[in-house]
Every structure is written in structure tokens, then in C-alpha cells.
Amino acid sequence: MRILKARYNAGETSNLYYWRDRSGHEVDLLIDHGSHLSPLEIKSGQTINKGYFKGLEFWQKLAGKTAGKAWLVYGGDSRQMRSDVTVLPWHEINSERIVMTV
């Protein structure tokens, strides 16, 4: 909800999507930037699990050059970079400006 609100406040359209294929691969949120889609997974757990990255990694391979920066927002406290995914604590969403990331 914060991301949607921030996009509206920045004058951006919603352009937020959920994606799932027939095999069960899914991404919680795709942010449409026009030329690319940034995938974002949202997890409540405080401990990062390698399974959290499965949907993001699948999407990045599938989308190829049209895949934007990937994000994992979770319930923990540490910010990290893992396998081309920015891991961000949920309380830092506003500070990162995910809504405008290219």
C-alpha cells in the first residue's frame, strides 16, 4: 500500500501488477516503468530464506533485458545485496524510492 500511495503522490500511475504462471512461479509485485518491469517480493519473515528469491530469479530469466532492478522487502532489519536483488527491511521502503527505480 505504501508503494501505491508513494506512486500517486509522485504523480505516477499505479501500474502495479501481481504475476503468476501455470507452474506456480510468482512475483508479488511488478512495477511497470514503461520500458521495463521491476519485480518485488514481500515477505513477513525476519530471517532471509533462499526460497524468497525463487520467484525473482525466475522472473529475471524470463524477462531478460526487460527485467528492471529486483527487490526483496522483508520483516528483518538488515539491508543487503544478494544475487542481483536488493534486500530491504520493510521500514526502509520510503527511503529507497522503489516507486521510481529504473
PDB file of N, CA and C in Angstrom:
ATOM      1  N   MET A   1       0.814  -1.187   0.000  1.00  0.00           N
ATOM      2  CA  MET A   1       0.000   0.000   0.000  1.00  0.00           C
ATOM      3  C   MET A   1       0.861   1.255   0.000  1.00  0.00           C
ATOM      4  N   ARG A   2       1.988   1.202   0.733  1.00  0.00           N
ATOM      5  CA  ARG A   2       2.884   2.359   0.764  1.00  0.00           C
ATOM      6  C   ARG A   2       3.414   2.683  -0.629  1.00  0.00           C
ATOM      7  N   ILE A   3       3.719   1.650  -1.392  1.00  0.00           N
ATOM      8  CA  ILE A   3       4.262   1.864  -2.731  1.00  0.00           C
ATOM      9  C   ILE A   3       3.217   2.511  -3.620  1.00  0.00           C
ATOM     10  N   LEU A   4       1.988   2.033  -3.550  1.00  0.00           N
ATOM     11  CA  LEU A   4       0.909   2.621  -4.336  1.00  0.00           C
ATOM     12  C   LEU A   4       0.692   4.085  -3.955  1.00  0.00           C
ATOM     13  N   LYS A   5       0.655   4.363  -2.676  1.00  0.00           N
ATOM     14  CA  LYS A   5       0.472   5.737  -2.193  1.00  0.00           C
ATOM     15  C   LYS A   5       1.617   6.640  -2.661  1.00  0.00           C
ATOM     16  N   ALA A   6       2.842   6.143  -2.557  1.00  0.00           N
ATOM     17  CA  ALA A   6       4.002   6.936  -2.984  1.00  0.00           C
ATOM     18  C   ALA A   6       3.962   7.220  -4.476  1.00  0.00           C
ATOM     19  N   ARG A   7       3.498   6.251  -5.272  1.00  0.00           N
ATOM     20  CA  ARG A   7       3.397   6.473  -6.728  1.00  0.00           C
ATOM     21  C   ARG A   7       2.368   7.553  -7.031  1.00  0.00           C
ATOM     22  N   TYR A   8       1.243   7.503  -6.381  1.00  0.00           N
ATOM     23  CA  TYR A   8       0.229   8.541  -6.595  1.00  0.00           C
ATOM     24  C   TYR A   8       0.750   9.913  -6.178  1.00  0.00           C
ATOM     25  N   ASN A   9       1.432   9.984  -5.031  1.00  0.00           N
ATOM     26  CA  ASN A   9       1.977  11.256  -4.557  1.00  0.00           C
ATOM     27  C   ASN A   9       3.060  11.804  -5.479  1.00  0.00           C
ATOM     28  N   ALA A  10       3.757  10.921  -6.191  1.00  0.00           N
ATOM     29  CA  ALA A  10       4.802  11.339  -7.128  1.00  0.00           C
ATOM     30  C   ALA A  10       4.238  11.636  -8.514  1.00  0.00           C
ATOM     31  N   GLY A  11       2.919  11.513  -8.659  1.00  0.00           N
ATOM     32  CA  GLY A  11       2.293  11.778  -9.950  1.00  0.00           C
ATOM     33  C   GLY A  11       2.397  10.625 -10.929  1.00  0.00           C
ATOM     34  N   GLU A  12       2.775   9.457 -10.443  1.00  0.00           N
ATOM     35  CA  GLU A  12       2.880   8.263 -11.283  1.00  0.00           C
ATOM     36  C   GLU A  12       1.538   7.528 -11.298  1.00  0.00           C
ATOM     37  N   THR A  13       1.302   6.776 -12.367  1.00  0.00           N
ATOM     38  CA  THR A  13       0.113   5.930 -12.401  1.00  0.00           C
ATOM     39  C   THR A  13       0.379   4.700 -11.536  1.00  0.00           C
ATOM     40  N   SER A  14      -0.678   3.951 -11.243  1.00  0.00           N
ATOM     41  CA  SER A  14      -0.482   2.789 -10.373  1.00  0.00           C
ATOM     42  C   SER A  14       0.436   1.763 -11.034  1.00  0.00           C
ATOM     43  N   ASN A  15       0.095   1.254 -12.192  1.00  0.00           N
ATOM     44  CA  ASN A  15       0.928   0.315 -12.943  1.00  0.00           C
ATOM     45  C   ASN A  15       1.622  -0.731 -12.072  1.00  0.00           C
ATOM     46  N   LEU A  16       0.884  -1.273 -11.139  1.00  0.00           N
ATOM     47  CA  LEU A  16       1.396  -2.316 -10.256  1.00  0.00           C
ATOM     48  C   LEU A  16       0.646  -3.606 -10.552  1.00  0.00           C
ATOM     49  N   TYR A  17       1.381  -4.708 -10.650  1.00  0.00           N
ATOM     50  CA  TYR A  17       0.768  -5.969 -11.040  1.00  0.00           C
ATOM     51  C   TYR A  17       1.279  -7.122 -10.181  1.00  0.00           C
ATOM     52  N   TYR A  18       0.458  -8.159 -10.092  1.00  0.00           N
ATOM     53  CA  TYR A  18       0.844  -9.438  -9.498  1.00  0.00           C
ATOM     54  C   TYR A  18       1.020 -10.386 -10.667  1.00  0.00           C
ATOM     55  N   TRP A  19       2.021 -11.272 -10.619  1.00  0.00           N
ATOM     56  CA  TRP A  19       2.250 -12.199 -11.719  1.00  0.00           C
ATOM     57  C   TRP A  19       2.412 -13.616 -11.202  1.00  0.00           C
ATOM     58  N   ARG A  20       1.761 -14.559 -11.899  1.00  0.00           N
ATOM     59  CA  ARG A  20       1.894 -15.988 -11.593  1.00  0.00           C
ATOM     60  C   ARG A  20       1.694 -16.771 -12.883  1.00  0.00           C
ATOM     61  N   ASP A  21       2.530 -17.800 -13.096  1.00  0.00           N
ATOM     62  CA  ASP A  21       2.353 -18.629 -14.285  1.00  0.00           C
ATOM     63  C   ASP A  21       1.674 -19.949 -13.914  1.00  0.00           C
ATOM     64  N   ARG A  22       1.435 -20.783 -14.898  1.00  0.00           N
ATOM     65  CA  ARG A  22       0.732 -22.053 -14.682  1.00  0.00           C
ATOM     66  C   ARG A  22       1.498 -23.020 -13.784  1.00  0.00           C
ATOM     67  N   SER A  23       2.810 -22.879 -13.751  1.00  0.00           N
ATOM     68  CA  SER A  23       3.647 -23.769 -12.942  1.00  0.00           C
ATOM     69  C   SER A  23       3.766 -23.329 -11.489  1.00  0.00           C
ATOM     70  N   GLY A  24       3.176 -22.187 -11.160  1.00  0.00           N
ATOM     71  CA  GLY A  24       3.210 -21.701  -9.788  1.00  0.00           C
ATOM     72  C   GLY A  24       4.296 -20.689  -9.482  1.00  0.00           C
ATOM     73  N   HIS A  25       5.122 -20.340 -10.483  1.00  0.00           N
ATOM     74  CA  HIS A  25       6.107 -19.273 -10.270  1.00  0.00           C
ATOM     75  C   HIS A  25       5.331 -17.974 -10.094  1.00  0.00           C
ATOM     76  N   GLU A  26       5.764 -17.148  -9.142  1.00  0.00           N
ATOM     77  CA  GLU A  26       5.038 -15.903  -8.919  1.00  0.00           C
ATOM     78  C   GLU A  26       5.950 -14.792  -8.429  1.00  0.00           C
ATOM     79  N   VAL A  27       5.493 -13.576  -8.651  1.00  0.00           N
ATOM     80  CA  VAL A  27       6.138 -12.373  -8.133  1.00  0.00           C
ATOM     81  C   VAL A  27       5.026 -11.557  -7.494  1.00  0.00           C
ATOM     82  N   ASP A  28       5.247 -11.131  -6.253  1.00  0.00           N
ATOM     83  CA  ASP A  28       4.215 -10.409  -5.509  1.00  0.00           C
ATOM     84  C   ASP A  28       3.840  -9.081  -6.148  1.00  0.00           C
ATOM     85  N   LEU A  29       4.819  -8.393  -6.710  1.00  0.00           N
ATOM     86  CA  LEU A  29       4.548  -7.074  -7.273  1.00  0.00           C
ATOM     87  C   LEU A  29       5.482  -6.806  -8.437  1.00  0.00           C
ATOM     88  N   LEU A  30       4.922  -6.408  -9.569  1.00  0.00           N
ATOM     89  CA  LEU A  30       5.704  -5.928 -10.702  1.00  0.00           C
ATOM     90  C   LEU A  30       5.396  -4.450 -10.844  1.00  0.00           C
ATOM     91  N   ILE A  31       6.434  -3.632 -10.879  1.00  0.00           N
ATOM     92  CA  ILE A  31       6.260  -2.194 -11.048  1.00  0.00           C
ATOM     93  C   ILE A  31       6.615  -1.863 -12.487  1.00  0.00           C
ATOM     94  N   ASP A  32       5.641  -1.351 -13.228  1.00  0.00           N
ATOM     95  CA  ASP A  32       5.818  -1.040 -14.642  1.00  0.00           C
ATOM     96  C   ASP A  32       6.422   0.353 -14.791  1.00  0.00           C
ATOM     97  N   HIS A  33       7.638   0.396 -15.349  1.00  0.00           N
ATOM     98  CA  HIS A  33       8.325   1.668 -15.580  1.00  0.00           C
ATOM     99  C   HIS A  33       8.270   2.063 -17.056  1.00  0.00           C
ATOM    100  N   GLY A  34       7.426   1.403 -17.827  1.00  0.00           N
ATOM    101  CA  GLY A  34       7.319   1.707 -19.249  1.00  0.00           C
ATOM    102  C   GLY A  34       8.199   0.795 -20.081  1.00  0.00           C
ATOM    103  N   SER A  35       9.512   0.950 -19.968  1.00  0.00           N
ATOM    104  CA  SER A  35      10.436   0.142 -20.765  1.00  0.00           C
ATOM    105  C   SER A  35      10.843  -1.156 -20.066  1.00  0.00           C
ATOM    106  N   HIS A  36      10.535  -1.280 -18.797  1.00  0.00           N
ATOM    107  CA  HIS A  36      10.891  -2.485 -18.052  1.00  0.00           C
ATOM    108  C   HIS A  36       9.977  -2.658 -16.839  1.00  0.00           C
ATOM    109  N   LEU A  37      10.007  -3.867 -16.288  1.00  0.00           N
ATOM    110  CA  LEU A  37       9.210  -4.203 -15.108  1.00  0.00           C
ATOM    111  C   LEU A  37      10.150  -4.600 -13.973  1.00  0.00           C
ATOM    112  N   SER A  38      10.023  -3.933 -12.834  1.00  0.00           N
ATOM    113  CA  SER A  38      10.834  -4.264 -11.658  1.00  0.00           C
ATOM    114  C   SER A  38      10.060  -5.222 -10.762  1.00  0.00           C
ATOM    115  N   PRO A  39      10.613  -6.419 -10.509  1.00  0.00           N
ATOM    116  CA  PRO A  39       9.931  -7.375  -9.638  1.00  0.00           C
ATOM    117  C   PRO A  39      10.232  -7.098  -8.166  1.00  0.00           C
ATOM    118  N   LEU A  40       9.240  -7.318  -7.329  1.00  0.00           N
ATOM    119  CA  LEU A  40       9.390  -7.092  -5.895  1.00  0.00           C
ATOM    120  C   LEU A  40       8.674  -8.209  -5.147  1.00  0.00           C
ATOM    121  N   GLU A  41       9.387  -8.861  -4.251  1.00  0.00           N
ATOM    122  CA  GLU A  41       8.798  -9.882  -3.384  1.00  0.00           C
ATOM    123  C   GLU A  41       8.635  -9.282  -2.003  1.00  0.00           C
ATOM    124  N   ILE A  42       7.553  -9.619  -1.335  1.00  0.00           N
ATOM    125  CA  ILE A  42       7.271  -9.114   0.001  1.00  0.00           C
ATOM    126  C   ILE A  42       7.128 -10.312   0.937  1.00  0.00           C
ATOM    127  N   LYS A  43       7.973 -10.357   1.958  1.00  0.00           N
ATOM    128  CA  LYS A  43       7.966 -11.468   2.908  1.00  0.00           C
ATOM    129  C   LYS A  43       7.900 -10.927   4.327  1.00  0.00           C
ATOM    130  N   SER A  44       7.120 -11.581   5.180  1.00  0.00           N
ATOM    131  CA  SER A  44       6.974 -11.117   6.563  1.00  0.00           C
ATOM    132  C   SER A  44       8.076 -11.640   7.479  1.00  0.00           C
ATOM    133  N   GLY A  45       8.764 -12.690   7.073  1.00  0.00           N
ATOM    134  CA  GLY A  45       9.794 -13.288   7.916  1.00  0.00           C
ATOM    135  C   GLY A  45      10.950 -12.356   8.223  1.00  0.00           C
ATOM    136  N   GLN A  46      11.540 -12.535   9.399  1.00  0.00           N
ATOM    137  CA  GLN A  46      12.674 -11.706   9.807  1.00  0.00           C
ATOM    138  C   GLN A  46      14.013 -12.309   9.404  1.00  0.00           C
ATOM    139  N   THR A  47      14.005 -13.572   9.019  1.00  0.00           N
ATOM    140  CA  THR A  47      15.217 -14.254   8.576  1.00  0.00           C
ATOM    141  C   THR A  47      15.112 -14.507   7.083  1.00  0.00           C
ATOM    142  N   ILE A  48      16.132 -14.118   6.346  1.00  0.00           N
ATOM    143  CA  ILE A  48      16.120 -14.291   4.891  1.00  0.00           C
ATOM    144  C   ILE A  48      16.312 -15.764   4.557  1.00  0.00           C
ATOM    145  N   ASN A  49      15.463 -16.250   3.680  1.00  0.00           N
ATOM    146  CA  ASN A  49      15.460 -17.642   3.252  1.00  0.00           C
ATOM    147  C   ASN A  49      15.759 -17.661   1.761  1.00  0.00           C
ATOM    148  N   LYS A  50      16.580 -18.602   1.291  1.00  0.00           N
ATOM    149  CA  LYS A  50      16.919 -18.630  -0.132  1.00  0.00           C
ATOM    150  C   LYS A  50      15.685 -18.838  -1.008  1.00  0.00           C
ATOM    151  N   GLY A  51      14.644 -19.434  -0.463  1.00  0.00           N
ATOM    152  CA  GLY A  51      13.401 -19.611  -1.206  1.00  0.00           C
ATOM    153  C   GLY A  51      12.716 -18.296  -1.544  1.00  0.00           C
ATOM    154  N   TYR A  52      13.028 -17.249  -0.794  1.00  0.00           N
ATOM    155  CA  TYR A  52      12.449 -15.928  -1.059  1.00  0.00           C
ATOM    156  C   TYR A  52      12.840 -15.404  -2.438  1.00  0.00           C
ATOM    157  N   PHE A  53      13.955 -15.886  -2.973  1.00  0.00           N
ATOM    158  CA  PHE A  53      14.492 -15.365  -4.227  1.00  0.00           C
ATOM    159  C   PHE A  53      14.019 -16.122  -5.466  1.00  0.00           C
ATOM    160  N   LYS A  54      13.362 -17.260  -5.283  1.00  0.00           N
ATOM    161  CA  LYS A  54      12.989 -18.111  -6.416  1.00  0.00           C
ATOM    162  C   LYS A  54      12.153 -17.387  -7.466  1.00  0.00           C
ATOM    163  N   GLY A  55      11.096 -16.722  -7.037  1.00  0.00           N
ATOM    164  CA  GLY A  55      10.235 -16.018  -7.986  1.00  0.00           C
ATOM    165  C   GLY A  55      10.955 -14.887  -8.687  1.00  0.00           C
ATOM    166  N   LEU A  56      11.784 -14.167  -7.949  1.00  0.00           N
ATOM    167  CA  LEU A  56      12.544 -13.057  -8.531  1.00  0.00           C
ATOM    168  C   LEU A  56      13.536 -13.559  -9.575  1.00  0.00           C
ATOM    169  N   GLU A  57      14.262 -14.614  -9.240  1.00  0.00           N
ATOM    170  CA  GLU A  57      15.245 -15.168 -10.166  1.00  0.00           C
ATOM    171  C   GLU A  57      14.572 -15.722 -11.418  1.00  0.00           C
ATOM    172  N   PHE A  58      13.444 -16.397 -11.247  1.00  0.00           N
ATOM    173  CA  PHE A  58      12.720 -16.927 -12.398  1.00  0.00           C
ATOM    174  C   PHE A  58      12.257 -15.783 -13.296  1.00  0.00           C
ATOM    175  N   TRP A  59      11.696 -14.742 -12.690  1.00  0.00           N
ATOM    176  CA  TRP A  59      11.215 -13.590 -13.462  1.00  0.00           C
ATOM    177  C   TRP A  59      12.359 -12.933 -14.231  1.00  0.00           C
ATOM    178  N   GLN A  60      13.508 -12.748 -13.591  1.00  0.00           N
ATOM    179  CA  GLN A  60      14.643 -12.099 -14.247  1.00  0.00           C
ATOM    180  C   GLN A  60      15.096 -12.889 -15.470  1.00  0.00           C
ATOM    181  N   LYS A  61      15.122 -14.213 -15.369  1.00  0.00           N
ATOM    182  CA  LYS A  61      15.492 -15.044 -16.521  1.00  0.00           C
ATOM    183  C   LYS A  61      14.439 -14.949 -17.616  1.00  0.00           C
ATOM    184  N   LEU A  62      13.190 -14.995 -17.226  1.00  0.00           N
ATOM    185  CA  LEU A  62      12.095 -14.940 -18.185  1.00  0.00           C
ATOM    186  C   LEU A  62      12.036 -13.592 -18.903  1.00  0.00           C
ATOM    187  N   ALA A  63      12.171 -12.510 -18.164  1.00  0.00           N
ATOM    188  CA  ALA A  63      12.043 -11.163 -18.727  1.00  0.00           C
ATOM    189  C   ALA A  63      13.288 -10.718 -19.489  1.00  0.00           C
ATOM    190  N   GLY A  64      14.434 -11.273 -19.171  1.00  0.00           N
ATOM    191  CA  GLY A  64      15.664 -10.900 -19.868  1.00  0.00           C
ATOM    192  C   GLY A  64      15.984  -9.421 -19.721  1.00  0.00           C
ATOM    193  N   LYS A  65      16.189  -8.747 -20.847  1.00  0.00           N
ATOM    194  CA  LYS A  65      16.577  -7.334 -20.838  1.00  0.00           C
ATOM    195  C   LYS A  65      15.480  -6.407 -20.343  1.00  0.00           C
ATOM    196  N   THR A  66      14.246  -6.870 -20.332  1.00  0.00           N
ATOM    197  CA  THR A  66      13.155  -6.004 -19.863  1.00  0.00           C
ATOM    198  C   THR A  66      12.956  -6.085 -18.353  1.00  0.00           C
ATOM    199  N   ALA A  67      13.769  -6.912 -17.682  1.00  0.00           N
ATOM    200  CA  ALA A  67      13.671  -7.009 -16.220  1.00  0.00           C
ATOM    201  C   ALA A  67      14.369  -5.811 -15.593  1.00  0.00           C
ATOM    202  N   GLY A  68      13.651  -5.108 -14.732  1.00  0.00           N
ATOM    203  CA  GLY A  68      14.246  -3.992 -14.007  1.00  0.00           C
ATOM    204  C   GLY A  68      14.912  -4.483 -12.734  1.00  0.00           C
ATOM    205  N   LYS A  69      15.360  -3.563 -11.936  1.00  0.00           N
ATOM    206  CA  LYS A  69      16.003  -3.876 -10.661  1.00  0.00           C
ATOM    207  C   LYS A  69      15.051  -4.699  -9.794  1.00  0.00           C
ATOM    208  N   ALA A  70      15.571  -5.768  -9.179  1.00  0.00           N
ATOM    209  CA  ALA A  70      14.752  -6.658  -8.352  1.00  0.00           C
ATOM    210  C   ALA A  70      14.904  -6.308  -6.877  1.00  0.00           C
ATOM    211  N   TRP A  71      13.795  -6.448  -6.149  1.00  0.00           N
ATOM    212  CA  TRP A  71      13.739  -6.094  -4.734  1.00  0.00           C
ATOM    213  C   TRP A  71      13.136  -7.227  -3.918  1.00  0.00           C
ATOM    214  N   LEU A  72      13.633  -7.380  -2.697  1.00  0.00           N
ATOM    215  CA  LEU A  72      13.013  -8.251  -1.710  1.00  0.00           C
ATOM    216  C   LEU A  72      12.803  -7.396  -0.469  1.00  0.00           C
ATOM    217  N   VAL A  73      11.562  -7.213  -0.080  1.00  0.00           N
ATOM    218  CA  VAL A  73      11.225  -6.467   1.128  1.00  0.00           C
ATOM    219  C   VAL A  73      10.816  -7.500   2.170  1.00  0.00           C
ATOM    220  N   TYR A  74      11.428  -7.422   3.362  1.00  0.00           N
ATOM    221  CA  TYR A  74      11.155  -8.448   4.376  1.00  0.00           C
ATOM    222  C   TYR A  74      11.057  -7.831   5.768  1.00  0.00           C
ATOM    223  N   GLY A  75      10.733  -8.660   6.758  1.00  0.00           N
ATOM    224  CA  GLY A  75      10.496  -8.188   8.116  1.00  0.00           C
ATOM    225  C   GLY A  75      11.723  -8.019   8.986  1.00  0.00           C
ATOM    226  N   GLY A  76      12.905  -8.246   8.444  1.00  0.00           N
ATOM    227  CA  GLY A  76      14.139  -8.112   9.218  1.00  0.00           C
ATOM    228  C   GLY A  76      14.650  -6.682   9.276  1.00  0.00           C
ATOM    229  N   ASP A  77      15.888  -6.536   9.735  1.00  0.00           N
ATOM    230  CA  ASP A  77      16.465  -5.205   9.939  1.00  0.00           C
ATOM    231  C   ASP A  77      17.643  -4.864   9.040  1.00  0.00           C
ATOM    232  N   SER A  78      18.251  -5.841   8.378  1.00  0.00           N
ATOM    233  CA  SER A  78      19.463  -5.532   7.614  1.00  0.00           C
ATOM    234  C   SER A  78      19.192  -5.383   6.125  1.00  0.00           C
ATOM    235  N   ARG A  79      19.879  -4.433   5.553  1.00  0.00           N
ATOM    236  CA  ARG A  79      19.818  -4.171   4.117  1.00  0.00           C
ATOM    237  C   ARG A  79      20.999  -4.916   3.485  1.00  0.00           C
ATOM    238  N   GLN A  80      20.748  -5.596   2.356  1.00  0.00           N
ATOM    239  CA  GLN A  80      21.787  -6.407   1.720  1.00  0.00           C
ATOM    240  C   GLN A  80      21.637  -6.391   0.212  1.00  0.00           C
ATOM    241  N   MET A  81      22.675  -6.856  -0.452  1.00  0.00           N
ATOM    242  CA  MET A  81      22.634  -7.096  -1.887  1.00  0.00           C
ATOM    243  C   MET A  81      22.916  -8.575  -2.061  1.00  0.00           C
ATOM    244  N   ARG A  82      21.997  -9.294  -2.697  1.00  0.00           N
ATOM    245  CA  ARG A  82      22.165 -10.736  -2.916  1.00  0.00           C
ATOM    246  C   ARG A  82      21.758 -11.095  -4.330  1.00  0.00           C
ATOM    247  N   SER A  83      22.640 -11.750  -5.041  1.00  0.00           N
ATOM    248  CA  SER A  83      22.372 -12.255  -6.396  1.00  0.00           C
ATOM    249  C   SER A  83      21.510 -11.311  -7.226  1.00  0.00           C
ATOM    250  N   ASP A  84      21.951 -10.099  -7.396  1.00  0.00           N
ATOM    251  CA  ASP A  84      21.259  -9.086  -8.203  1.00  0.00           C
ATOM    252  C   ASP A  84      19.908  -8.672  -7.638  1.00  0.00           C
ATOM    253  N   VAL A  85      19.708  -8.883  -6.366  1.00  0.00           N
ATOM    254  CA  VAL A  85      18.464  -8.486  -5.703  1.00  0.00           C
ATOM    255  C   VAL A  85      18.822  -7.590  -4.518  1.00  0.00           C
ATOM    256  N   THR A  86      18.173  -6.437  -4.426  1.00  0.00           N
ATOM    257  CA  THR A  86      18.356  -5.574  -3.267  1.00  0.00           C
ATOM    258  C   THR A  86      17.391  -6.028  -2.187  1.00  0.00           C
ATOM    259  N   VAL A  87      17.928  -6.396  -1.024  1.00  0.00           N
ATOM    260  CA  VAL A  87      17.125  -6.840   0.113  1.00  0.00           C
ATOM    261  C   VAL A  87      16.962  -5.640   1.034  1.00  0.00           C
ATOM    262  N   LEU A  88      15.714  -5.342   1.350  1.00  0.00           N
ATOM    263  CA  LEU A  88      15.400  -4.124   2.078  1.00  0.00           C
ATOM    264  C   LEU A  88      14.426  -4.414   3.211  1.00  0.00           C
ATOM    265  N   PRO A  89      14.715  -3.942   4.440  1.00  0.00           N
ATOM    266  CA  PRO A  89      13.735  -4.073   5.518  1.00  0.00           C
ATOM    267  C   PRO A  89      12.487  -3.260   5.169  1.00  0.00           C
ATOM    268  N   TRP A  90      11.329  -3.735   5.556  1.00  0.00           N
ATOM    269  CA  TRP A  90      10.083  -3.056   5.170  1.00  0.00           C
ATOM    270  C   TRP A  90      10.055  -1.606   5.625  1.00  0.00           C
ATOM    271  N   HIS A  91      10.674  -1.291   6.765  1.00  0.00           N
ATOM    272  CA  HIS A  91      10.616   0.080   7.281  1.00  0.00           C
ATOM    273  C   HIS A  91      11.476   1.056   6.475  1.00  0.00           C
ATOM    274  N   GLU A  92      12.261   0.550   5.503  1.00  0.00           N
ATOM    275  CA  GLU A  92      13.076   1.424   4.656  1.00  0.00           C
ATOM    276  C   GLU A  92      12.471   1.644   3.273  1.00  0.00           C
ATOM    277  N   ILE A  93      11.264   1.175   3.049  1.00  0.00           N
ATOM    278  CA  ILE A  93      10.653   1.316   1.723  1.00  0.00           C
ATOM    279  C   ILE A  93      10.616   2.771   1.279  1.00  0.00           C
ATOM    280  N   ASN A  94      10.177   3.657   2.123  1.00  0.00           N
ATOM    281  CA  ASN A  94      10.070   5.065   1.734  1.00  0.00           C
ATOM    282  C   ASN A  94      11.422   5.696   1.450  1.00  0.00           C
ATOM    283  N   SER A  95      12.455   5.299   2.178  1.00  0.00           N
ATOM    284  CA  SER A  95      13.770   5.908   1.989  1.00  0.00           C
ATOM    285  C   SER A  95      14.413   5.486   0.675  1.00  0.00           C
ATOM    286  N   GLU A  96      13.998   4.385   0.101  1.00  0.00           N
ATOM    287  CA  GLU A  96      14.636   3.851  -1.095  1.00  0.00           C
ATOM    288  C   GLU A  96      14.020   4.348  -2.391  1.00  0.00           C
ATOM    289  N   ARG A  97      12.853   4.880  -2.357  1.00  0.00           N
ATOM    290  CA  ARG A  97      12.171   5.368  -3.562  1.00  0.00           C
ATOM    291  C   ARG A  97      12.000   4.254  -4.603  1.00  0.00           C
ATOM    292  N   ILE A  98      11.556   3.104  -4.154  1.00  0.00           N
ATOM    293  CA  ILE A  98      11.329   1.967  -5.043  1.00  0.00           C
ATOM    294  C   ILE A  98      10.415   2.360  -6.195  1.00  0.00           C
ATOM    295  N   VAL A  99       9.488   3.235  -5.931  1.00  0.00           N
ATOM    296  CA  VAL A  99       8.491   3.589  -6.936  1.00  0.00           C
ATOM    297  C   VAL A  99       9.098   4.209  -8.175  1.00  0.00           C
ATOM    298  N   MET A 100      10.272   4.799  -8.083  1.00  0.00           N
ATOM    299  CA  MET A 100      10.874   5.488  -9.214  1.00  0.00           C
ATOM    300  C   MET A 100      12.124   4.793  -9.738  1.00  0.00           C
ATOM    301  N   THR A 101      12.486   3.653  -9.178  1.00  0.00           N
ATOM    302  CA  THR A 101      13.726   2.984  -9.544  1.00  0.00           C
ATOM    303  C   THR A 101      13.723   2.571 -11.001  1.00  0.00           C
ATOM    304  N   VAL A 102      14.824   2.835 -11.655  1.00  0.00           N
ATOM    305  CA  VAL A 102      14.962   2.484 -13.070  1.00  0.00           C
ATOM    306  C   VAL A 102      15.776   1.224 -13.195  1.00  0.00           C
TER     307      VAL A 102
END
